[in-house]
């Protein structure tokens, strides 16, 4: 009434198509947010180190830890080379 005849107003909307489109729009927004989050983590390099191959519990590879000890002077050159050879043989 008041200018709202059959086919106008609330009841002449999209029907089930409107419900389906609403659900799909929500899923699209969620997918975009998830994609942006993963892209940001990938580009910033903040992915956890324990997923990379050869990483130890502290997030460093054994070769890197050995090189750090050699650089700090905790082990000498001969010991460094010997241990590095053993590490590479037993991969």
Foldseek 3Di string as FASTA:
>chain_A
DVPADPCDDDVNDDPVVVVVVVVVVVVVVVVVVVVVVVVVCVVVVVDQLVVDPQADPVSHHPLVVLVVCPVVVVDDPVVSVVVVVVVVVPD
